[in-house]
Amino acid sequence: MSTTPTDVIDHLAGIRPGSSLDRLRDQRPQARENAQKSYLALFEPEVPGTVTPLERYALATFVAGLHRQPHVGDFYAAALERHGHPRLTEVVVSEIARGATEGPYGRYPAGPHSVEDKDGPSYRVSADSRESLGARLAAGLEHAHLLVFHPRDASPAALQALLDAGWSTTDIVTLSQLVAFLSFQIRVVAGLRALAGASVVESTDTEYTQIFTGVLASGAV
């Protein structure tokens, strides 16, 4: 029996049916529906392919941890525990602590944007964790870290590292989609929680509400 909430974003943001935030999200029903469909396609796909549920939830736990969003991280960590051994969750959590930084870092191609180049630490899974995770998942975490903190440094060499670790080209697309979706989901949940905390949605500032719902719509995947 599936334990997935009817709407994951509502669940993570603590939105109650009929609340102001519920009505706010209802102003963009297609964005709301698309976000849930994207979650299901990535985490409960009808055709799973070769990226396992354990790998999907391990990556999600790691990415949410890097974004420092405990509500989201706990949700995916609980799912990871259901699909794997508790020791694996401990390993992923330890790697979140090792990979924590600020960012984004990296270098643009030579040109006007080069003034924004910023050096930052690169991340590699520890030797002990690599033994527990296996080469494939360790490479997945390293690539996820690259996409979160060093997106400008994505390169053929980074993709080759995944291929060498056993990720197919289709798997790599799934991994990239997971990281992109989580980035979107985390931003929306953080925004909704901030609104709830500030009770902004109780105001009559229609213009502000329209701006926020527009952001939700534009971020739909």
C-alpha atoms as a PDB file:
ATOM      1  CA  MET A   1       0.000   0.000   0.000  1.00  0.00           C
ATOM      2  CA  SER A   2       1.441   3.389  -1.025  1.00  0.00           C
ATOM      3  CA  THR A   3       2.307   5.845   1.736  1.00  0.00           C
ATOM      4  CA  THR A   4       2.649   8.756  -0.668  1.00  0.00           C
ATOM      5  CA  PRO A   5       0.557  11.789   0.330  1.00  0.00           C
ATOM      6  CA  THR A   6      -2.126  12.926  -2.120  1.00  0.00           C
ATOM      7  CA  ASP A   7      -0.047  16.063  -2.671  1.00  0.00           C
ATOM      8  CA  VAL A   8       3.568  15.883  -1.520  1.00  0.00           C
ATOM      9  CA  ILE A   9       4.163  19.643  -1.545  1.00  0.00           C
ATOM     10  CA  ASP A  10       1.068  20.217   0.600  1.00  0.00           C
ATOM     11  CA  HIS A  11       2.324  17.552   2.992  1.00  0.00           C
ATOM     12  CA  LEU A  12       5.849  18.989   3.218  1.00  0.00           C
ATOM     13  CA  ALA A  13       4.582  22.552   3.630  1.00  0.00           C
ATOM     14  CA  GLY A  14       2.013  21.537   6.256  1.00  0.00           C
ATOM     15  CA  ILE A  15      -0.920  22.867   4.218  1.00  0.00           C
ATOM     16  CA  ARG A  16      -4.350  21.986   5.594  1.00  0.00           C
ATOM     17  CA  PRO A  17      -7.340  21.539   3.254  1.00  0.00           C
ATOM     18  CA  GLY A  18      -9.354  24.753   3.086  1.00  0.00           C
ATOM     19  CA  SER A  19      -6.564  26.893   4.551  1.00  0.00           C
ATOM     20  CA  SER A  20      -5.376  30.149   2.996  1.00  0.00           C
ATOM     21  CA  LEU A  21      -2.345  28.416   1.519  1.00  0.00           C
ATOM     22  CA  ASP A  22      -4.569  25.692   0.101  1.00  0.00           C
ATOM     23  CA  ARG A  23      -6.671  28.352  -1.638  1.00  0.00           C
ATOM     24  CA  LEU A  24      -3.515  30.070  -2.816  1.00  0.00           C
ATOM     25  CA  ARG A  25      -2.235  26.918  -4.494  1.00  0.00           C
ATOM     26  CA  ASP A  26      -5.680  26.320  -5.973  1.00  0.00           C
ATOM     27  CA  GLN A  27      -5.218  29.479  -8.035  1.00  0.00           C
ATOM     28  CA  ARG A  28      -2.737  27.505 -10.151  1.00  0.00           C
ATOM     29  CA  PRO A  29      -4.320  24.041 -10.331  1.00  0.00           C
ATOM     30  CA  GLN A  30      -2.283  22.921 -13.335  1.00  0.00           C
ATOM     31  CA  ALA A  31       1.008  23.816 -11.639  1.00  0.00           C
ATOM     32  CA  ARG A  32      -0.135  21.943  -8.545  1.00  0.00           C
ATOM     33  CA  GLU A  33      -1.122  18.879 -10.563  1.00  0.00           C
ATOM     34  CA  ASN A  34       2.063  18.917 -12.644  1.00  0.00           C
ATOM     35  CA  ALA A  35       4.268  19.066  -9.555  1.00  0.00           C
ATOM     36  CA  GLN A  36       2.580  15.994  -8.085  1.00  0.00           C
ATOM     37  CA  LYS A  37       2.758  14.137 -11.402  1.00  0.00           C
ATOM     38  CA  SER A  38       6.468  14.950 -11.617  1.00  0.00           C
ATOM     39  CA  TYR A  39       7.022  13.542  -8.146  1.00  0.00           C
ATOM     40  CA  LEU A  40       5.202  10.320  -9.034  1.00  0.00           C
ATOM     41  CA  ALA A  41       7.040   9.985 -12.349  1.00  0.00           C
ATOM     42  CA  LEU A  42      10.398  10.277 -10.605  1.00  0.00           C
ATOM     43  CA  PHE A  43       9.764   8.353  -7.394  1.00  0.00           C
ATOM     44  CA  GLU A  44       6.946   5.943  -8.265  1.00  0.00           C
ATOM     45  CA  PRO A  45       7.351   5.474 -12.027  1.00  0.00           C
ATOM     46  CA  GLU A  46       5.177   2.978 -13.865  1.00  0.00           C
ATOM     47  CA  VAL A  47       8.290   1.800 -15.680  1.00  0.00           C
ATOM     48  CA  PRO A  48      11.093   2.042 -13.089  1.00  0.00           C
ATOM     49  CA  GLY A  49      13.992   1.459 -15.454  1.00  0.00           C
ATOM     50  CA  THR A  50      17.386   0.687 -13.917  1.00  0.00           C
ATOM     51  CA  VAL A  51      17.533   3.495 -11.343  1.00  0.00           C
ATOM     52  CA  THR A  52      16.273   1.709  -8.242  1.00  0.00           C
ATOM     53  CA  PRO A  53      13.940   3.195  -5.614  1.00  0.00           C
ATOM     54  CA  LEU A  54      16.797   2.957  -3.119  1.00  0.00           C
ATOM     55  CA  GLU A  55      19.026   5.051  -5.404  1.00  0.00           C
ATOM     56  CA  ARG A  56      16.268   7.593  -6.037  1.00  0.00           C
ATOM     57  CA  TYR A  57      15.532   8.110  -2.351  1.00  0.00           C
ATOM     58  CA  ALA A  58      19.214   8.128  -1.377  1.00  0.00           C
ATOM     59  CA  LEU A  59      19.859  10.875  -3.914  1.00  0.00           C
ATOM     60  CA  ALA A  60      16.792  12.797  -2.762  1.00  0.00           C
ATOM     61  CA  THR A  61      17.838  12.573   0.889  1.00  0.00           C
ATOM     62  CA  PHE A  62      21.310  13.796  -0.033  1.00  0.00           C
ATOM     63  CA  VAL A  63      20.114  16.718  -2.174  1.00  0.00           C
ATOM     64  CA  ALA A  64      17.540  17.849   0.402  1.00  0.00           C
ATOM     65  CA  GLY A  65      20.255  17.725   3.050  1.00  0.00           C
ATOM     66  CA  LEU A  66      22.582  19.849   0.938  1.00  0.00           C
ATOM     67  CA  HIS A  67      19.778  22.417   0.647  1.00  0.00           C
ATOM     68  CA  ARG A  68      19.386  22.376   4.454  1.00  0.00           C
ATOM     69  CA  GLN A  69      15.677  21.697   4.370  1.00  0.00           C
ATOM     70  CA  PRO A  70      14.968  19.266   7.242  1.00  0.00           C
ATOM     71  CA  HIS A  71      11.243  18.835   6.480  1.00  0.00           C
ATOM     72  CA  VAL A  72      12.046  17.663   2.961  1.00  0.00           C
ATOM     73  CA  GLY A  73      15.117  15.702   4.016  1.00  0.00           C
ATOM     74  CA  ASP A  74      13.242  13.801   6.732  1.00  0.00           C
ATOM     75  CA  PHE A  75      10.502  12.863   4.263  1.00  0.00           C
ATOM     76  CA  TYR A  76      12.943  11.324   1.791  1.00  0.00           C
ATOM     77  CA  ALA A  77      15.104   9.773   4.534  1.00  0.00           C
ATOM     78  CA  ALA A  78      12.041   7.954   5.870  1.00  0.00           C
ATOM     79  CA  ALA A  79      11.345   6.613   2.379  1.00  0.00           C
ATOM     80  CA  LEU A  80      14.987   5.581   2.033  1.00  0.00           C
ATOM     81  CA  GLU A  81      14.763   3.625   5.300  1.00  0.00           C
ATOM     82  CA  ARG A  82      11.729   1.774   3.948  1.00  0.00           C
ATOM     83  CA  HIS A  83      13.678   0.753   0.845  1.00  0.00           C
ATOM     84  CA  GLY A  84      17.072   0.041   2.360  1.00  0.00           C
ATOM     85  CA  HIS A  85      19.020  -0.753   5.473  1.00  0.00           C
ATOM     86  CA  PRO A  86      19.166   1.916   8.234  1.00  0.00           C
ATOM     87  CA  ARG A  87      22.958   1.901   7.900  1.00  0.00           C
ATOM     88  CA  LEU A  88      22.623   3.274   4.377  1.00  0.00           C
ATOM     89  CA  THR A  89      20.633   6.259   5.652  1.00  0.00           C
ATOM     90  CA  GLU A  90      23.341   6.898   8.232  1.00  0.00           C
ATOM     91  CA  VAL A  91      25.984   6.867   5.508  1.00  0.00           C
ATOM     92  CA  VAL A  92      24.040   9.323   3.343  1.00  0.00           C
ATOM     93  CA  VAL A  93      23.521  11.639   6.325  1.00  0.00           C
ATOM     94  CA  SER A  94      27.250  11.541   7.086  1.00  0.00           C
ATOM     95  CA  GLU A  95      27.979  12.479   3.474  1.00  0.00           C
ATOM     96  CA  ILE A  96      25.561  15.411   3.696  1.00  0.00           C
ATOM     97  CA  ALA A  97      27.686  16.771   6.555  1.00  0.00           C
ATOM     98  CA  ARG A  98      30.858  16.271   4.514  1.00  0.00           C
ATOM     99  CA  GLY A  99      29.387  17.891   1.414  1.00  0.00           C
ATOM    100  CA  ALA A 100      27.758  20.897   3.086  1.00  0.00           C
ATOM    101  CA  THR A 101      28.892  24.224   1.672  1.00  0.00           C
ATOM    102  CA  GLU A 102      27.393  27.441   0.242  1.00  0.00           C
ATOM    103  CA  GLY A 103      27.927  27.935  -3.496  1.00  0.00           C
ATOM    104  CA  PRO A 104      27.217  28.115  -6.292  1.00  0.00           C
ATOM    105  CA  TYR A 105      30.777  27.756  -7.511  1.00  0.00           C
ATOM    106  CA  GLY A 106      32.397  27.277 -10.866  1.00  0.00           C
ATOM    107  CA  ARG A 107      33.601  29.040 -13.959  1.00  0.00           C
ATOM    108  CA  TYR A 108      31.781  30.351 -16.999  1.00  0.00           C
ATOM    109  CA  PRO A 109      33.284  30.116 -20.489  1.00  0.00           C
ATOM    110  CA  ALA A 110      35.586  33.065 -21.133  1.00  0.00           C
ATOM    111  CA  GLY A 111      33.451  36.149 -21.655  1.00  0.00           C
ATOM    112  CA  PRO A 112      31.435  38.804 -19.819  1.00  0.00           C
ATOM    113  CA  HIS A 113      30.135  36.356 -17.203  1.00  0.00           C
ATOM    114  CA  SER A 114      33.662  35.401 -16.140  1.00  0.00           C
ATOM    115  CA  VAL A 115      33.558  38.141 -13.497  1.00  0.00           C
ATOM    116  CA  GLU A 116      31.160  35.874 -11.610  1.00  0.00           C
ATOM    117  CA  ASP A 117      33.600  32.940 -11.525  1.00  0.00           C
ATOM    118  CA  LYS A 118      34.008  31.577  -8.010  1.00  0.00           C
ATOM    119  CA  ASP A 119      36.264  28.818  -6.763  1.00  0.00           C
ATOM    120  CA  GLY A 120      34.871  26.383  -4.245  1.00  0.00           C
ATOM    121  CA  PRO A 121      35.534  22.984  -2.724  1.00  0.00           C
ATOM    122  CA  SER A 122      34.979  19.900  -4.825  1.00  0.00           C
ATOM    123  CA  TYR A 123      33.304  16.926  -3.203  1.00  0.00           C
ATOM    124  CA  ARG A 124      34.189  13.269  -3.140  1.00  0.00           C
ATOM    125  CA  VAL A 125      32.522  10.522  -1.147  1.00  0.00           C
ATOM    126  CA  SER A 126      34.771   9.276   1.663  1.00  0.00           C
ATOM    127  CA  ALA A 127      36.516   5.939   1.249  1.00  0.00           C
ATOM    128  CA  ASP A 128      34.495   4.340   4.048  1.00  0.00           C
ATOM    129  CA  SER A 129      31.186   5.591   2.648  1.00  0.00           C
ATOM    130  CA  ARG A 130      32.134   4.515  -0.857  1.00  0.00           C
ATOM    131  CA  GLU A 131      32.514   0.963   0.385  1.00  0.00           C
ATOM    132  CA  SER A 132      29.018   1.067   1.921  1.00  0.00           C
ATOM    133  CA  LEU A 133      27.338   2.842  -0.985  1.00  0.00           C
ATOM    134  CA  GLY A 134      29.019   1.057  -3.859  1.00  0.00           C
ATOM    135  CA  ALA A 135      30.688   2.727  -6.820  1.00  0.00           C
ATOM    136  CA  ARG A 136      27.449   3.485  -8.645  1.00  0.00           C
ATOM    137  CA  LEU A 137      25.614   5.304  -5.845  1.00  0.00           C
ATOM    138  CA  ALA A 138      28.795   7.052  -4.697  1.00  0.00           C
ATOM    139  CA  ALA A 139      29.220   8.459  -8.198  1.00  0.00           C
ATOM    140  CA  GLY A 140      25.561   9.508  -8.172  1.00  0.00           C
ATOM    141  CA  LEU A 141      26.020  11.490  -4.965  1.00  0.00           C
ATOM    142  CA  GLU A 142      29.131  13.157  -6.322  1.00  0.00           C
ATOM    143  CA  HIS A 143      27.339  14.176  -9.493  1.00  0.00           C
ATOM    144  CA  ALA A 144      24.318  15.439  -7.544  1.00  0.00           C
ATOM    145  CA  HIS A 145      26.672  17.604  -5.464  1.00  0.00           C
ATOM    146  CA  LEU A 146      28.189  18.943  -8.681  1.00  0.00           C
ATOM    147  CA  LEU A 147      24.753  19.894 -10.028  1.00  0.00           C
ATOM    148  CA  VAL A 148      23.758  21.616  -6.755  1.00  0.00           C
ATOM    149  CA  PHE A 149      26.968  23.545  -6.045  1.00  0.00           C
ATOM    150  CA  HIS A 150      29.047  23.485  -9.259  1.00  0.00           C
ATOM    151  CA  PRO A 151      26.487  23.591 -12.098  1.00  0.00           C
ATOM    152  CA  ARG A 152      28.840  25.690 -14.247  1.00  0.00           C
ATOM    153  CA  ASP A 153      31.443  22.931 -14.051  1.00  0.00           C
ATOM    154  CA  ALA A 154      29.314  20.189 -15.602  1.00  0.00           C
ATOM    155  CA  SER A 155      31.462  18.575 -18.271  1.00  0.00           C
ATOM    156  CA  PRO A 156      31.899  15.502 -20.462  1.00  0.00           C
ATOM    157  CA  ALA A 157      34.387  14.222 -17.876  1.00  0.00           C
ATOM    158  CA  ALA A 158      31.746  14.428 -15.141  1.00  0.00           C
ATOM    159  CA  LEU A 159      29.317  12.444 -17.283  1.00  0.00           C
ATOM    160  CA  GLN A 160      32.022   9.908 -18.118  1.00  0.00           C
ATOM    161  CA  ALA A 161      32.579   9.324 -14.386  1.00  0.00           C
ATOM    162  CA  LEU A 162      28.934   8.284 -14.111  1.00  0.00           C
ATOM    163  CA  LEU A 163      29.176   6.016 -17.153  1.00  0.00           C
ATOM    164  CA  ASP A 164      32.303   4.407 -15.718  1.00  0.00           C
ATOM    165  CA  ALA A 165      30.418   3.725 -12.465  1.00  0.00           C
ATOM    166  CA  GLY A 166      27.597   1.927 -14.280  1.00  0.00           C
ATOM    167  CA  TRP A 167      25.075   4.681 -15.007  1.00  0.00           C
ATOM    168  CA  SER A 168      23.576   4.456 -18.485  1.00  0.00           C
ATOM    169  CA  THR A 169      22.760   7.578 -20.482  1.00  0.00           C
ATOM    170  CA  THR A 170      19.078   7.078 -19.611  1.00  0.00           C
ATOM    171  CA  ASP A 171      19.986   6.716 -15.928  1.00  0.00           C
ATOM    172  CA  ILE A 172      21.952   9.984 -16.092  1.00  0.00           C
ATOM    173  CA  VAL A 173      18.910  11.791 -17.485  1.00  0.00           C
ATOM    174  CA  THR A 174      16.838  10.432 -14.580  1.00  0.00           C
ATOM    175  CA  LEU A 175      19.476  11.548 -12.067  1.00  0.00           C
ATOM    176  CA  SER A 176      19.534  15.060 -13.548  1.00  0.00           C
ATOM    177  CA  GLN A 177      15.740  15.235 -13.520  1.00  0.00           C
ATOM    178  CA  LEU A 178      15.686  14.183  -9.865  1.00  0.00           C
ATOM    179  CA  VAL A 179      18.082  16.952  -8.850  1.00  0.00           C
ATOM    180  CA  ALA A 180      16.223  19.567 -10.907  1.00  0.00           C
ATOM    181  CA  PHE A 181      12.834  18.542  -9.514  1.00  0.00           C
ATOM    182  CA  LEU A 182      14.086  18.548  -5.923  1.00  0.00           C
ATOM    183  CA  SER A 183      15.525  22.033  -6.401  1.00  0.00           C
ATOM    184  CA  PHE A 184      12.093  23.213  -7.540  1.00  0.00           C
ATOM    185  CA  GLN A 185      10.186  21.334  -4.847  1.00  0.00           C
ATOM    186  CA  ILE A 186      12.449  22.578  -2.049  1.00  0.00           C
ATOM    187  CA  ARG A 187      12.109  26.216  -3.155  1.00  0.00           C
ATOM    188  CA  VAL A 188       8.322  25.969  -3.286  1.00  0.00           C
ATOM    189  CA  VAL A 189       8.067  24.262   0.108  1.00  0.00           C
ATOM    190  CA  ALA A 190      10.424  26.790   1.699  1.00  0.00           C
ATOM    191  CA  GLY A 191       8.397  29.658   0.222  1.00  0.00           C
ATOM    192  CA  LEU A 192       5.086  28.245   1.385  1.00  0.00           C
ATOM    193  CA  ARG A 193       6.438  27.631   4.877  1.00  0.00           C
ATOM    194  CA  ALA A 194       7.768  31.182   5.014  1.00  0.00           C
ATOM    195  CA  LEU A 195       4.375  32.510   3.996  1.00  0.00           C
ATOM    196  CA  ALA A 196       2.654  30.383   6.621  1.00  0.00           C
ATOM    197  CA  GLY A 197       5.062  31.563   9.298  1.00  0.00           C
ATOM    198  CA  ALA A 198       4.578  35.208   8.405  1.00  0.00           C
ATOM    199  CA  SER A 199       0.811  34.831   7.893  1.00  0.00           C
ATOM    200  CA  VAL A 200       1.236  36.831   4.707  1.00  0.00           C
ATOM    201  CA  VAL A 201      -1.534  35.014   2.903  1.00  0.00           C
ATOM    202  CA  GLU A 202      -4.038  36.327   5.421  1.00  0.00           C
ATOM    203  CA  SER A 203      -3.511  39.858   4.092  1.00  0.00           C
ATOM    204  CA  THR A 204      -5.511  41.421   1.299  1.00  0.00           C
ATOM    205  CA  ASP A 205      -2.423  42.204  -0.755  1.00  0.00           C
ATOM    206  CA  THR A 206      -3.738  40.707  -3.997  1.00  0.00           C
ATOM    207  CA  GLU A 207      -0.727  41.834  -5.994  1.00  0.00           C
ATOM    208  CA  TYR A 208       1.667  39.944  -3.705  1.00  0.00           C
ATOM    209  CA  THR A 209      -0.432  36.798  -3.888  1.00  0.00           C
ATOM    210  CA  GLN A 210      -0.526  36.972  -7.682  1.00  0.00           C
ATOM    211  CA  ILE A 211       3.246  37.365  -7.812  1.00  0.00           C
ATOM    212  CA  PHE A 212       3.794  34.290  -5.621  1.00  0.00           C
ATOM    213  CA  THR A 213       1.341  32.128  -7.514  1.00  0.00           C
ATOM    214  CA  GLY A 214       3.076  33.204 -10.698  1.00  0.00           C
ATOM    215  CA  VAL A 215       6.351  31.926  -9.283  1.00  0.00           C
ATOM    216  CA  LEU A 216       4.692  28.594  -8.510  1.00  0.00           C
ATOM    217  CA  ALA A 217       3.363  28.354 -12.026  1.00  0.00           C
ATOM    218  CA  SER A 218       6.644  29.265 -13.684  1.00  0.00           C
ATOM    219  CA  GLY A 219       8.469  26.626 -11.657  1.00  0.00           C
ATOM    220  CA  ALA A 220       6.153  23.766 -12.633  1.00  0.00           C
ATOM    221  CA  VAL A 221       7.942  20.825 -14.240  1.00  0.00           C
END
